[in-house]
Amino acid sequence: MNDMTADGRRAWALIALVGGCAVFTAMAAWGLYLLRMDMQRVFWLSMAAHAQVFVGMTAIGALLVKRTVKMSRAGLEISDNLQEPGQ
């Protein structure tokens, strides 16, 4: 039934993340507009919006990098180069 490849799932995840970030940005801008006369609330809402943008950009960056993490008794190995099986 589910014939979606790993790359297809990654593409849909990227679309969902970008869409979520765009919606949050629009909501934050609308909230800032509504609170424009109360500078203290505008400041804290802006800080929350910056934190959310940081989380979204970090998630997008993590999604775009193919990374492997291997853990053994010798230590932890993190690689950004994904080796496909059989190569």
N, C-alpha and C. Protein backbone atom coordinates (compact mmCIF):
# COMPACT_ATOMS: atom_id res chain seq x y z
N MET A 1 0.81 -1.19 0.00
CA MET A 1 0.00 0.00 0.00
C MET A 1 0.85 1.26 0.00
N ASN A 2 1.80 1.31 0.94
CA ASN A 2 2.61 2.52 1.06
C ASN A 2 3.87 2.35 0.21
N ASP A 3 3.88 2.95 -0.97
CA ASP A 3 5.01 2.85 -1.88
C ASP A 3 5.92 4.06 -1.81
N MET A 4 5.78 4.89 -0.79
CA MET A 4 6.58 6.10 -0.70
C MET A 4 8.01 5.76 -0.27
N THR A 5 8.96 6.33 -0.97
CA THR A 5 10.36 6.10 -0.63
C THR A 5 10.79 7.01 0.52
N ALA A 6 11.99 6.76 1.01
CA ALA A 6 12.52 7.60 2.09
C ALA A 6 12.66 9.05 1.63
N ASP A 7 13.08 9.25 0.38
CA ASP A 7 13.20 10.62 -0.14
C ASP A 7 11.83 11.28 -0.25
N GLY A 8 10.81 10.52 -0.60
CA GLY A 8 9.46 11.07 -0.67
C GLY A 8 8.96 11.50 0.71
N ARG A 9 9.24 10.69 1.72
CA ARG A 9 8.84 11.06 3.08
C ARG A 9 9.59 12.30 3.54
N ARG A 10 10.86 12.39 3.18
CA ARG A 10 11.65 13.58 3.55
C ARG A 10 11.10 14.83 2.86
N ALA A 11 10.67 14.68 1.60
CA ALA A 11 10.11 15.82 0.88
C ALA A 11 8.81 16.29 1.52
N TRP A 12 7.94 15.34 1.89
CA TRP A 12 6.68 15.72 2.56
C TRP A 12 6.96 16.33 3.93
N ALA A 13 7.96 15.84 4.63
CA ALA A 13 8.31 16.42 5.92
C ALA A 13 8.81 17.85 5.74
N LEU A 14 9.60 18.10 4.70
CA LEU A 14 10.08 19.45 4.42
C LEU A 14 8.91 20.39 4.10
N ILE A 15 7.97 19.91 3.29
CA ILE A 15 6.79 20.73 2.95
C ILE A 15 6.01 21.06 4.21
N ALA A 16 5.83 20.08 5.09
CA ALA A 16 5.08 20.30 6.33
C ALA A 16 5.80 21.30 7.23
N LEU A 17 7.13 21.19 7.34
CA LEU A 17 7.89 22.12 8.18
C LEU A 17 7.83 23.55 7.63
N VAL A 18 8.03 23.69 6.33
CA VAL A 18 8.00 25.02 5.73
C VAL A 18 6.61 25.63 5.85
N GLY A 19 5.58 24.82 5.62
CA GLY A 19 4.21 25.30 5.78
C GLY A 19 3.91 25.72 7.20
N GLY A 20 4.35 24.92 8.16
CA GLY A 20 4.16 25.28 9.57
C GLY A 20 4.88 26.55 9.95
N CYS A 21 6.09 26.71 9.46
CA CYS A 21 6.85 27.94 9.75
C CYS A 21 6.18 29.16 9.12
N ALA A 22 5.65 29.00 7.92
CA ALA A 22 4.97 30.13 7.27
C ALA A 22 3.70 30.51 8.03
N VAL A 23 2.94 29.52 8.46
CA VAL A 23 1.71 29.81 9.22
C VAL A 23 2.06 30.47 10.55
N PHE A 24 3.08 29.97 11.23
CA PHE A 24 3.45 30.58 12.51
C PHE A 24 3.93 32.02 12.31
N THR A 25 4.68 32.27 11.26
CA THR A 25 5.16 33.62 11.00
C THR A 25 3.98 34.57 10.76
N ALA A 26 2.99 34.11 10.00
CA ALA A 26 1.81 34.94 9.75
C ALA A 26 1.04 35.20 11.05
N MET A 27 0.90 34.18 11.88
CA MET A 27 0.19 34.36 13.15
C MET A 27 0.94 35.29 14.09
N ALA A 28 2.28 35.18 14.12
CA ALA A 28 3.07 36.07 14.97
C ALA A 28 2.96 37.51 14.48
N ALA A 29 3.00 37.71 13.17
CA ALA A 29 2.86 39.07 12.63
C ALA A 29 1.50 39.65 12.96
N TRP A 30 0.45 38.85 12.86
CA TRP A 30 -0.90 39.30 13.19
C TRP A 30 -1.00 39.64 14.68
N GLY A 31 -0.41 38.79 15.53
CA GLY A 31 -0.41 39.05 16.97
C GLY A 31 0.35 40.32 17.32
N LEU A 32 1.47 40.54 16.67
CA LEU A 32 2.24 41.76 16.92
C LEU A 32 1.47 42.99 16.48
N TYR A 33 0.75 42.87 15.39
CA TYR A 33 -0.07 44.00 14.93
C TYR A 33 -1.17 44.31 15.94
N LEU A 34 -1.81 43.27 16.46
CA LEU A 34 -2.89 43.48 17.42
C LEU A 34 -2.39 44.09 18.74
N LEU A 35 -1.17 43.74 19.13
CA LEU A 35 -0.61 44.20 20.40
C LEU A 35 0.33 45.39 20.24
N ARG A 36 0.29 46.07 19.12
CA ARG A 36 1.29 47.10 18.81
C ARG A 36 1.34 48.23 19.82
N MET A 37 0.30 48.45 20.60
CA MET A 37 0.31 49.54 21.59
C MET A 37 0.88 49.13 22.94
N ASP A 38 1.04 47.83 23.18
CA ASP A 38 1.56 47.33 24.45
C ASP A 38 2.98 46.80 24.21
N MET A 39 3.97 47.65 24.41
CA MET A 39 5.35 47.32 24.04
C MET A 39 5.92 46.13 24.81
N GLN A 40 5.54 45.95 26.05
CA GLN A 40 6.07 44.83 26.82
C GLN A 40 5.60 43.50 26.24
N ARG A 41 4.32 43.42 25.91
CA ARG A 41 3.80 42.18 25.31
C ARG A 41 4.36 41.96 23.91
N VAL A 42 4.55 43.04 23.17
CA VAL A 42 5.15 42.93 21.84
C VAL A 42 6.55 42.36 21.95
N PHE A 43 7.32 42.82 22.93
CA PHE A 43 8.68 42.32 23.12
C PHE A 43 8.68 40.81 23.38
N TRP A 44 7.84 40.35 24.32
CA TRP A 44 7.84 38.94 24.68
C TRP A 44 7.27 38.07 23.55
N LEU A 45 6.28 38.56 22.85
CA LEU A 45 5.77 37.81 21.70
C LEU A 45 6.84 37.72 20.61
N SER A 46 7.61 38.79 20.42
CA SER A 46 8.70 38.77 19.45
C SER A 46 9.78 37.77 19.84
N MET A 47 10.09 37.71 21.14
CA MET A 47 11.09 36.73 21.60
C MET A 47 10.59 35.31 21.37
N ALA A 48 9.32 35.06 21.63
CA ALA A 48 8.75 33.73 21.38
C ALA A 48 8.77 33.40 19.89
N ALA A 49 8.48 34.40 19.05
CA ALA A 49 8.51 34.18 17.60
C ALA A 49 9.93 33.87 17.14
N HIS A 50 10.92 34.55 17.69
CA HIS A 50 12.31 34.25 17.33
C HIS A 50 12.69 32.84 17.76
N ALA A 51 12.26 32.42 18.92
CA ALA A 51 12.55 31.06 19.39
C ALA A 51 11.90 30.03 18.47
N GLN A 52 10.66 30.28 18.06
CA GLN A 52 9.97 29.35 17.17
C GLN A 52 10.64 29.29 15.80
N VAL A 53 11.08 30.41 15.28
CA VAL A 53 11.80 30.42 14.00
C VAL A 53 13.11 29.65 14.13
N PHE A 54 13.80 29.80 15.25
CA PHE A 54 15.04 29.05 15.49
C PHE A 54 14.76 27.54 15.49
N VAL A 55 13.69 27.12 16.16
CA VAL A 55 13.33 25.70 16.19
C VAL A 55 12.99 25.21 14.79
N GLY A 56 12.21 25.99 14.05
CA GLY A 56 11.84 25.59 12.68
C GLY A 56 13.04 25.49 11.76
N MET A 57 13.93 26.46 11.82
CA MET A 57 15.12 26.44 10.96
C MET A 57 16.05 25.28 11.34
N THR A 58 16.15 24.99 12.63
CA THR A 58 16.96 23.85 13.06
C THR A 58 16.36 22.55 12.54
N ALA A 59 15.04 22.41 12.60
CA ALA A 59 14.39 21.20 12.09
C ALA A 59 14.58 21.07 10.59
N ILE A 60 14.47 22.16 9.86
CA ILE A 60 14.69 22.11 8.40
C ILE A 60 16.13 21.74 8.10
N GLY A 61 17.07 22.32 8.82
CA GLY A 61 18.48 21.97 8.62
C GLY A 61 18.75 20.52 8.92
N ALA A 62 18.16 20.00 9.99
CA ALA A 62 18.36 18.59 10.34
C ALA A 62 17.73 17.68 9.29
N LEU A 63 16.64 18.10 8.71
CA LEU A 63 15.96 17.29 7.70
C LEU A 63 16.77 17.25 6.41
N LEU A 64 17.44 18.34 6.07
CA LEU A 64 18.17 18.41 4.80
C LEU A 64 19.53 17.71 4.85
N VAL A 65 20.02 17.42 6.04
CA VAL A 65 21.32 16.77 6.17
C VAL A 65 21.10 15.29 6.44
N LYS A 66 21.68 14.45 5.60
CA LYS A 66 21.61 13.01 5.86
C LYS A 66 22.75 12.68 6.82
N ARG A 67 22.37 12.20 7.96
CA ARG A 67 23.36 12.00 9.02
C ARG A 67 23.21 10.59 9.58
N THR A 68 24.34 9.99 9.90
CA THR A 68 24.33 8.70 10.58
C THR A 68 25.02 8.86 11.92
N VAL A 69 24.50 8.17 12.90
CA VAL A 69 25.08 8.19 14.24
C VAL A 69 25.31 6.74 14.64
N LYS A 70 26.57 6.42 14.96
CA LYS A 70 26.92 5.07 15.39
C LYS A 70 27.52 5.16 16.78
N MET A 71 27.07 4.28 17.65
CA MET A 71 27.55 4.28 19.02
C MET A 71 28.12 2.90 19.33
N SER A 72 29.32 2.90 19.89
CA SER A 72 29.95 1.65 20.29
C SER A 72 30.68 1.88 21.60
N ARG A 73 31.33 0.84 22.06
CA ARG A 73 32.10 0.99 23.31
C ARG A 73 33.28 1.93 23.13
N ALA A 74 33.74 2.05 21.90
CA ALA A 74 34.88 2.92 21.62
C ALA A 74 34.48 4.39 21.61
N GLY A 75 33.20 4.67 21.46
CA GLY A 75 32.76 6.06 21.46
C GLY A 75 31.60 6.28 20.50
N LEU A 76 31.38 7.53 20.20
CA LEU A 76 30.28 7.94 19.35
C LEU A 76 30.84 8.47 18.03
N GLU A 77 30.27 8.00 16.93
CA GLU A 77 30.71 8.45 15.61
C GLU A 77 29.51 9.09 14.89
N ILE A 78 29.66 10.34 14.49
CA ILE A 78 28.61 11.05 13.77
C ILE A 78 29.16 11.41 12.39
N SER A 79 28.41 11.02 11.35
CA SER A 79 28.85 11.26 9.98
C SER A 79 27.73 11.93 9.19
N ASP A 80 28.08 12.93 8.39
CA ASP A 80 27.12 13.58 7.52
C ASP A 80 27.06 12.93 6.14
N ASN A 81 27.90 11.95 5.90
CA ASN A 81 27.92 11.26 4.61
C ASN A 81 27.23 9.92 4.77
N LEU A 82 26.06 9.78 4.18
CA LEU A 82 25.30 8.54 4.28
C LEU A 82 25.84 7.55 3.26
N GLN A 83 26.24 6.39 3.72
CA GLN A 83 26.69 5.32 2.84
C GLN A 83 25.51 4.38 2.60
N GLU A 84 25.08 4.26 1.36
CA GLU A 84 23.99 3.37 1.02
C GLU A 84 24.50 1.92 1.13
N PRO A 85 23.66 1.00 1.55
CA PRO A 85 24.08 -0.41 1.62
C PRO A 85 24.53 -0.91 0.26
N GLY A 86 25.62 -1.65 0.23
CA GLY A 86 26.13 -2.21 -1.01
C GLY A 86 27.09 -1.30 -1.75
N GLN A 87 27.45 -0.17 -1.17
CA GLN A 87 28.39 0.73 -1.86
C GLN A 87 29.75 0.64 -1.22
